Structure formats: structure tokens, C-alpha cells
Amino acid sequence: MNSLLVAALSVACGLVVLFFFLGVARVTSGRNKTEQFHNIIDSITRSEIELERSDANLPNVKTWSGYWYDLATRAGTKSDNPGTPGLFAIGLALVAFGVGFFVWPRDISGGIIFMPVVLFFLRTYFKAKIRARLVLMEKQLPNLLSGIRASLKANLTPQQAIINQAKEIPYPLGDELKQMTEEMAVGITLDNALQNFSNRIPSREIQFLASSIRIAIASGADLDPLVETIQRIIVQRTRIANHLTAAVAKVQPAIWVTGIMIPGAFAYSFYSSDTNRSFWLSVPLGLIAVLVIAACYGLGLFIAKKQVDRVKKA
């Protein structure tokens, strides 16, 4: 009797485990199909973007030149040669190496340390310019929408309305509108020009505006009431975004101070005496301490950045 009971329980447990894994496999299969679909869409989108960059002789963003060119372009820095920002970064890194090797602390390790530090600050500078440029663009959106509505009420087409506003809106949004009108002047459709406009500016408000106008034009809907609705929505979103930006700005100085003080204290300790230098790089305990400090420092900055980004995207 006991043997039959054990056998029955074993079979029941086996069936439960089997059905559980079948259910997991089914859910995983559905998720995999969804992920494959999204990956296909992302791949097509990336392929189109890479094709556009290739046709325009622009460097790939995964390369050194492409990475710095992309940063400089999004920051509003114009360059006739796409390789110039990358060459500038290399030159700045070499200058930093020269300062560390020949001026202070007159050591090859100092030059090697200074190079990534200078590149980090250059990247931070571009990122700050990108954020400031986006904030200024978003502040210009209400004026753009008001101008588009006025042009539509004057019986102009959407394309003519955008061309008119390209002449009225100042930098930086005006420059992007002028580039869009230049694309339409060479035969690119308004839909594609709006898509390119949206791709160039990583702002959710501007991308929302461009997508809404594209959908309205494609469906033949009346654009004027839609623009009025978009204007109200963007004003509310901008107000909320400003409150979030103010909240983030309050904690940002503490993050910067912490981020600078820890490497600064380590550099002072490292170069203050030969005894300290030999401890940090020769004694096993010192090497372990360096690795632990670097790991905690990197993890702390990563967590702080993620928290700030989460607040911004809330």
C-alpha cells in the first residue's frame, strides 16, 4: 500500500513538473517570438539608419570617429569633415599624456591616467551640451506649434507651414527645421523628412509631435485641431519635465563632488610619496584595496546614474 502511494505521489509530482516545464516552454516560446519580431524591426531600423549614414559617407557610430562625430553633431557642433571630432579627441588625449609625463607628476603612469580622465570630461562636455540643446528645443516647441496653427488657418499646407516656421524659429530648433526644408527641396517627402527630423533629435516631445503630424497627414485628418491638442499636451509634459529636472539638479552637485573627490583623494595619496605608491601597487593588500575601491566607485556611479535617469524618464 505504501509502495502504491509513493508511486502515485511520484507520478503526480512528475506530471506537475512536466506541465510546469511545458507551460514555461510555451511562455518562453511566445516571448522568444515577440523578441524575434522586435529584433527584426530593430534590425530593419538600424539597417536603414546605417544605410543613410553610408550614403552620406558618415562614419559608423561604433567606431572611434563615428562615436565622437555623433556626440559633436547632437551637441550642435558642425564639422565639414566627419573625422575632425575624433582627431580632436585624440589630440586632447595626447596633450593630457604630455602634461602627465613632462609636467606633473613626470611619470608615464600619470600620463596614462590623465588620458582617459580628459576624454571623460570631453564626453561629459558634449553630453551637457546635448542636454542643454534639447531643453532649449523643447522650450521652443510652443512657439513652433503656434506658428504652424497660424499658417494652417491661413490655408497653407502642412509643408508650407513648416517651411514658414523654419524662417521664424531661431537656433537650435530652427536649424533642424531648415535642414528638414532642405531635404524637402531636393524631393524628399514630408513624411520622410519628419521621420529624419525625429531621428536626429532624441527628445520624446519632438518625436511625439513628428509622429502625430505624420499620422494625421497619412490619415487625411484636419491638422489644426490636432496641433492644438498636441500643444496642450506638450505644455503639460514640459511643465512636468521641468519639475523633474529641478529635482534632479538638486542632487546632481553631490554626485559630481563625490565623483571627483574619490579619484582626487586616491591620486593625492598615490603621488604624495614613494611609500604610498609602493603600498598601492606592490603590497597585495594595497592591490586588493585598489580593486575594491575601483569596483565600489564604479558601481556607485552606475547606480546613481540609473536612479537619475529613472527620475528623468518617469
Protein backbone atom coordinates (compact mmCIF):
# COMPACT_ATOMS: atom_id res chain seq x y z
CA MET A 1 0.00 0.00 0.00
CA ASN A 2 2.80 2.31 0.93
CA SER A 3 4.60 1.46 -2.33
CA LEU A 4 1.50 2.29 -4.39
CA LEU A 5 1.05 5.57 -2.51
CA VAL A 6 4.69 6.52 -3.10
CA ALA A 7 4.39 5.56 -6.78
CA ALA A 8 1.19 7.60 -7.18
CA LEU A 9 2.73 10.61 -5.48
CA SER A 10 5.83 10.26 -7.67
CA VAL A 11 3.71 10.14 -10.83
CA ALA A 12 1.65 13.14 -9.67
CA CYS A 13 4.79 15.13 -8.87
CA GLY A 14 6.27 14.13 -12.20
CA LEU A 15 3.14 15.30 -14.06
CA VAL A 16 3.13 18.60 -12.16
CA VAL A 17 6.79 19.19 -13.00
CA LEU A 18 6.17 18.17 -16.63
CA PHE A 19 3.20 20.54 -17.04
CA PHE A 20 5.16 23.29 -15.31
CA PHE A 21 8.05 23.00 -17.73
CA LEU A 22 5.67 22.73 -20.69
CA GLY A 23 4.00 25.95 -19.54
CA VAL A 24 7.37 27.65 -19.08
CA ALA A 25 8.46 26.44 -22.52
CA ARG A 26 5.25 27.75 -24.08
CA VAL A 27 5.59 31.15 -22.40
CA THR A 28 9.27 31.29 -23.32
CA SER A 29 8.45 30.38 -26.90
CA GLY A 30 5.87 33.17 -27.07
CA ARG A 31 8.34 35.61 -25.57
CA ASN A 32 11.04 34.48 -27.97
CA LYS A 33 8.73 35.04 -30.93
CA THR A 34 7.87 38.51 -29.62
CA GLU A 35 11.54 39.27 -29.04
CA GLN A 36 12.41 37.96 -32.52
CA PHE A 37 9.76 40.23 -34.03
CA HIS A 38 11.07 43.26 -32.14
CA ASN A 39 14.63 42.32 -33.08
CA ILE A 40 13.64 42.15 -36.75
CA ILE A 41 12.02 45.60 -36.55
CA ASP A 42 15.07 47.00 -34.71
CA SER A 43 17.38 45.38 -37.24
CA ILE A 44 15.47 46.91 -40.16
CA THR A 45 15.50 50.32 -38.46
CA ARG A 46 19.22 50.08 -37.70
CA SER A 47 19.89 48.90 -41.25
CA GLU A 48 18.04 51.91 -42.68
CA ILE A 49 19.95 54.28 -40.41
CA GLU A 50 23.27 52.65 -41.30
CA LEU A 51 22.36 52.83 -45.00
CA GLU A 52 21.61 56.53 -44.67
CA ARG A 53 24.92 57.08 -42.89
CA SER A 54 26.74 55.05 -45.53
CA ASP A 55 25.14 57.01 -48.38
CA ALA A 56 26.14 60.25 -46.68
CA ASN A 57 29.72 58.96 -46.12
CA LEU A 58 29.28 59.23 -42.35
CA PRO A 59 31.38 57.04 -40.02
CA ASN A 60 29.75 54.20 -38.12
CA VAL A 61 28.85 55.22 -34.54
CA LYS A 62 30.60 52.07 -33.27
CA THR A 63 33.96 53.38 -34.49
CA TRP A 64 36.11 55.98 -32.75
CA SER A 65 35.47 58.67 -35.37
CA GLY A 66 31.78 57.84 -35.59
CA TYR A 67 31.29 57.95 -31.82
CA TRP A 68 32.80 61.42 -31.41
CA TYR A 69 31.18 62.71 -34.60
CA ASP A 70 27.78 61.56 -33.34
CA LEU A 71 28.33 63.28 -29.97
CA ALA A 72 29.53 66.50 -31.59
CA THR A 73 26.64 66.56 -34.08
CA ARG A 74 23.97 66.01 -31.41
CA ALA A 75 25.62 68.75 -29.37
CA GLY A 76 25.13 71.15 -32.28
CA THR A 77 28.80 71.33 -33.33
CA LYS A 78 29.10 71.50 -37.10
CA SER A 79 32.06 69.88 -38.84
CA ASP A 80 32.76 69.65 -42.58
CA ASN A 81 34.97 66.60 -42.01
CA PRO A 82 33.30 63.76 -40.03
CA GLY A 83 36.71 62.67 -38.74
CA THR A 84 37.53 66.02 -37.11
CA PRO A 85 35.87 65.40 -33.68
CA GLY A 86 37.66 62.05 -33.35
CA LEU A 87 41.01 63.62 -34.27
CA PHE A 88 40.37 66.41 -31.77
CA ALA A 89 39.72 63.82 -29.02
CA ILE A 90 42.97 62.01 -29.89
CA GLY A 91 44.90 65.30 -29.86
CA LEU A 92 43.44 66.26 -26.49
CA ALA A 93 44.35 62.84 -25.06
CA LEU A 94 47.94 63.21 -26.32
CA VAL A 95 48.18 66.66 -24.73
CA ALA A 96 46.95 65.18 -21.43
CA PHE A 97 49.57 62.43 -21.71
CA GLY A 98 52.27 65.05 -22.33
CA VAL A 99 51.19 67.02 -19.26
CA GLY A 100 51.33 63.92 -17.06
CA PHE A 101 54.63 62.72 -18.47
CA PHE A 102 56.57 66.00 -18.78
CA VAL A 103 54.92 68.46 -16.32
CA TRP A 104 53.34 66.63 -13.38
CA PRO A 105 53.83 64.04 -11.98
CA ARG A 106 56.52 63.39 -14.66
CA ASP A 107 55.67 59.73 -14.80
CA ILE A 108 54.34 57.54 -17.59
CA SER A 109 51.60 56.27 -15.28
CA GLY A 110 50.45 59.86 -14.73
CA GLY A 111 50.21 60.41 -18.49
CA ILE A 112 48.25 57.17 -18.93
CA ILE A 113 45.85 58.15 -16.13
CA PHE A 114 45.34 61.68 -17.48
CA MET A 115 44.30 60.45 -20.95
CA PRO A 116 41.00 58.72 -20.02
CA VAL A 117 40.25 61.46 -17.48
CA VAL A 118 40.45 64.15 -20.18
CA LEU A 119 38.37 62.05 -22.60
CA PHE A 120 35.78 61.53 -19.86
CA PHE A 121 35.48 65.29 -19.31
CA LEU A 122 35.25 65.88 -23.08
CA ARG A 123 32.42 63.35 -23.31
CA THR A 124 30.75 64.97 -20.29
CA TYR A 125 31.02 68.37 -22.00
CA PHE A 126 29.32 67.07 -25.16
CA LYS A 127 26.61 65.32 -23.11
CA ALA A 128 25.91 68.55 -21.20
CA LYS A 129 25.66 70.49 -24.48
CA ILE A 130 23.28 67.86 -25.87
CA ARG A 131 21.02 68.13 -22.82
CA ALA A 132 21.08 71.94 -22.90
CA ARG A 133 20.29 71.93 -26.62
CA LEU A 134 17.33 69.56 -26.13
CA VAL A 135 15.96 71.66 -23.26
CA LEU A 136 16.15 74.79 -25.42
CA MET A 137 14.44 72.99 -28.32
CA GLU A 138 11.60 71.82 -26.10
CA LYS A 139 11.12 75.37 -24.82
CA GLN A 140 10.74 76.49 -28.46
CA LEU A 141 8.03 73.93 -29.22
CA PRO A 142 5.03 76.06 -28.09
CA ASN A 143 6.13 78.88 -30.45
CA LEU A 144 6.56 76.38 -33.27
CA LEU A 145 3.10 74.92 -32.73
CA SER A 146 1.50 78.37 -32.52
CA GLY A 147 3.18 79.33 -35.78
CA ILE A 148 2.06 76.13 -37.50
CA ARG A 149 -1.54 76.70 -36.37
CA ALA A 150 -1.47 80.29 -37.65
CA SER A 151 -0.16 79.11 -41.02
CA LEU A 152 -2.79 76.37 -41.27
CA LYS A 153 -5.55 78.88 -40.52
CA ALA A 154 -4.17 80.94 -43.40
CA ASN A 155 -4.96 77.94 -45.65
CA LEU A 156 -1.32 76.90 -46.11
CA THR A 157 -0.43 73.24 -46.49
CA PRO A 158 1.44 71.46 -43.65
CA GLN A 159 4.61 71.53 -45.73
CA GLN A 160 4.31 75.27 -46.36
CA ALA A 161 3.55 75.85 -42.67
CA ILE A 162 6.76 74.07 -41.63
CA ILE A 163 8.80 75.96 -44.25
CA ASN A 164 7.46 79.25 -42.90
CA GLN A 165 8.38 78.33 -39.33
CA ALA A 166 11.88 77.33 -40.37
CA LYS A 167 12.43 81.00 -41.20
CA GLU A 168 10.97 82.24 -37.92
CA ILE A 169 12.23 79.84 -35.22
CA PRO A 170 15.78 80.64 -34.02
CA TYR A 171 18.62 78.26 -33.13
CA PRO A 172 18.68 75.38 -32.26
CA LEU A 173 15.23 74.14 -33.34
CA GLY A 174 15.29 76.48 -36.33
CA ASP A 175 18.44 74.81 -37.69
CA GLU A 176 16.77 71.38 -37.59
CA LEU A 177 13.67 72.79 -39.32
CA LYS A 178 15.88 74.35 -42.01
CA GLN A 179 17.55 71.01 -42.59
CA MET A 180 14.11 69.44 -42.96
CA THR A 181 13.07 72.07 -45.53
CA GLU A 182 16.33 71.50 -47.42
CA GLU A 183 15.51 67.78 -47.59
CA MET A 184 12.02 68.53 -48.95
CA ALA A 185 13.55 70.93 -51.50
CA VAL A 186 15.53 68.06 -53.04
CA GLY A 187 12.49 65.80 -53.38
CA ILE A 188 12.21 64.04 -50.02
CA THR A 189 8.58 63.68 -48.96
CA LEU A 190 7.24 65.47 -45.89
CA ASP A 191 6.66 62.12 -44.17
CA ASN A 192 10.29 61.03 -44.64
CA ALA A 193 11.58 64.49 -43.71
CA LEU A 194 9.58 64.36 -40.47
CA GLN A 195 10.95 60.88 -39.79
CA ASN A 196 14.53 62.12 -40.29
CA PHE A 197 13.77 65.13 -38.11
CA SER A 198 12.55 62.81 -35.36
CA ASN A 199 15.57 60.51 -35.68
CA ARG A 200 18.04 63.40 -35.33
CA ILE A 201 16.57 64.75 -32.08
CA PRO A 202 16.37 62.37 -29.07
CA SER A 203 13.50 64.27 -27.46
CA ARG A 204 10.28 62.43 -26.64
CA GLU A 205 8.25 65.63 -27.03
CA ILE A 206 9.62 66.34 -30.51
CA GLN A 207 9.32 62.70 -31.56
CA PHE A 208 5.72 62.67 -30.31
CA LEU A 209 5.00 65.82 -32.33
CA ALA A 210 6.58 64.44 -35.51
CA SER A 211 4.79 61.10 -35.21
CA SER A 212 1.42 62.78 -34.59
CA ILE A 213 1.78 65.03 -37.64
CA ARG A 214 2.82 62.07 -39.80
CA ILE A 215 -0.22 60.04 -38.69
CA ALA A 216 -2.58 62.99 -39.26
CA ILE A 217 -1.22 63.61 -42.78
CA ALA A 218 -1.39 59.90 -43.66
CA SER A 219 -4.99 59.60 -42.43
CA GLY A 220 -6.11 62.88 -44.00
CA ALA A 221 -7.26 64.30 -40.66
CA ASP A 222 -7.65 68.01 -40.02
CA LEU A 223 -4.27 69.10 -38.70
CA ASP A 224 -5.28 72.32 -36.91
CA PRO A 225 -7.29 70.80 -34.00
CA LEU A 226 -4.67 68.05 -33.71
CA VAL A 227 -1.86 70.60 -33.39
CA GLU A 228 -3.91 72.44 -30.75
CA THR A 229 -4.29 69.22 -28.76
CA ILE A 230 -0.59 68.40 -29.16
CA GLN A 231 0.26 71.89 -27.96
CA ARG A 232 -1.72 71.44 -24.74
CA ILE A 233 -0.18 68.00 -24.13
CA ILE A 234 3.37 69.21 -24.75
CA VAL A 235 2.89 72.22 -22.47
CA GLN A 236 1.80 69.87 -19.65
CA ARG A 237 4.63 67.41 -20.36
CA THR A 238 7.16 70.24 -20.44
CA ARG A 239 5.91 71.58 -17.11
CA ILE A 240 6.28 68.14 -15.51
CA ALA A 241 9.70 67.66 -17.12
CA ASN A 242 10.85 70.99 -15.71
CA HIS A 243 9.85 69.91 -12.20
CA LEU A 244 11.75 66.63 -12.65
CA THR A 245 14.79 68.48 -13.98
CA ALA A 246 14.75 70.80 -10.97
CA ALA A 247 14.55 67.79 -8.63
CA VAL A 248 17.48 66.08 -10.38
CA ALA A 249 19.51 69.31 -10.36
CA LYS A 250 19.33 69.42 -6.55
CA VAL A 251 21.20 66.11 -6.17
CA GLN A 252 23.47 66.42 -9.20
CA PRO A 253 26.15 68.56 -7.44
CA ALA A 254 26.52 65.94 -4.70
CA ILE A 255 27.07 63.26 -7.34
CA TRP A 256 29.68 65.41 -9.09
CA VAL A 257 31.52 66.23 -5.86
CA THR A 258 31.60 62.59 -4.85
CA GLY A 259 32.68 61.53 -8.31
CA ILE A 260 35.62 63.96 -8.31
CA MET A 261 36.74 63.74 -4.66
CA ILE A 262 37.31 59.97 -4.54
CA PRO A 263 39.67 59.80 -7.57
CA GLY A 264 41.29 63.05 -6.42
CA ALA A 265 41.99 61.67 -2.94
CA PHE A 266 43.42 58.50 -4.44
CA ALA A 267 45.64 60.46 -6.86
CA TYR A 268 46.92 62.64 -3.99
CA SER A 269 47.70 59.59 -1.88
CA PHE A 270 49.36 57.83 -4.81
CA TYR A 271 51.66 60.69 -5.81
CA SER A 272 52.32 62.20 -2.38
CA SER A 273 55.14 59.78 -1.51
CA ASP A 274 57.03 56.76 -2.78
CA THR A 275 55.90 54.78 0.26
CA ASN A 276 52.23 55.28 -0.62
CA ARG A 277 52.88 54.41 -4.26
CA SER A 278 54.66 51.18 -3.34
CA PHE A 279 51.80 50.29 -0.99
CA TRP A 280 49.08 50.77 -3.59
CA LEU A 281 50.86 48.87 -6.38
CA SER A 282 53.21 46.44 -4.63
CA VAL A 283 51.69 45.23 -1.40
CA PRO A 284 48.97 42.58 -2.01
CA LEU A 285 46.67 44.32 0.46
CA GLY A 286 47.11 47.60 -1.45
CA LEU A 287 46.26 45.98 -4.80
CA ILE A 288 43.17 44.38 -3.29
CA ALA A 289 42.16 47.75 -1.81
CA VAL A 290 42.58 49.45 -5.21
CA LEU A 291 40.36 46.85 -6.87
CA VAL A 292 37.71 47.10 -4.15
CA ILE A 293 37.71 50.92 -4.24
CA ALA A 294 37.50 50.96 -8.05
CA ALA A 295 34.65 48.41 -8.04
CA CYS A 296 32.67 50.28 -5.37
CA TYR A 297 33.31 53.61 -7.07
CA GLY A 298 32.18 52.35 -10.48
CA LEU A 299 29.13 50.59 -9.00
CA GLY A 300 28.16 53.71 -7.03
CA LEU A 301 28.35 55.96 -10.09
CA PHE A 302 26.40 53.41 -12.15
CA ILE A 303 23.61 53.16 -9.55
CA ALA A 304 23.46 56.95 -9.13
CA LYS A 305 23.23 57.45 -12.90
CA LYS A 306 20.49 54.82 -13.20
CA GLN A 307 18.48 56.48 -10.42
CA VAL A 308 18.82 59.90 -12.04
CA ASP A 309 17.84 58.51 -15.46
CA ARG A 310 14.85 56.75 -13.90
CA VAL A 311 13.63 60.03 -12.40
CA LYS A 312 14.11 61.84 -15.72
CA LYS A 313 12.16 59.18 -17.63
CA ALA A 314 9.37 58.94 -15.06
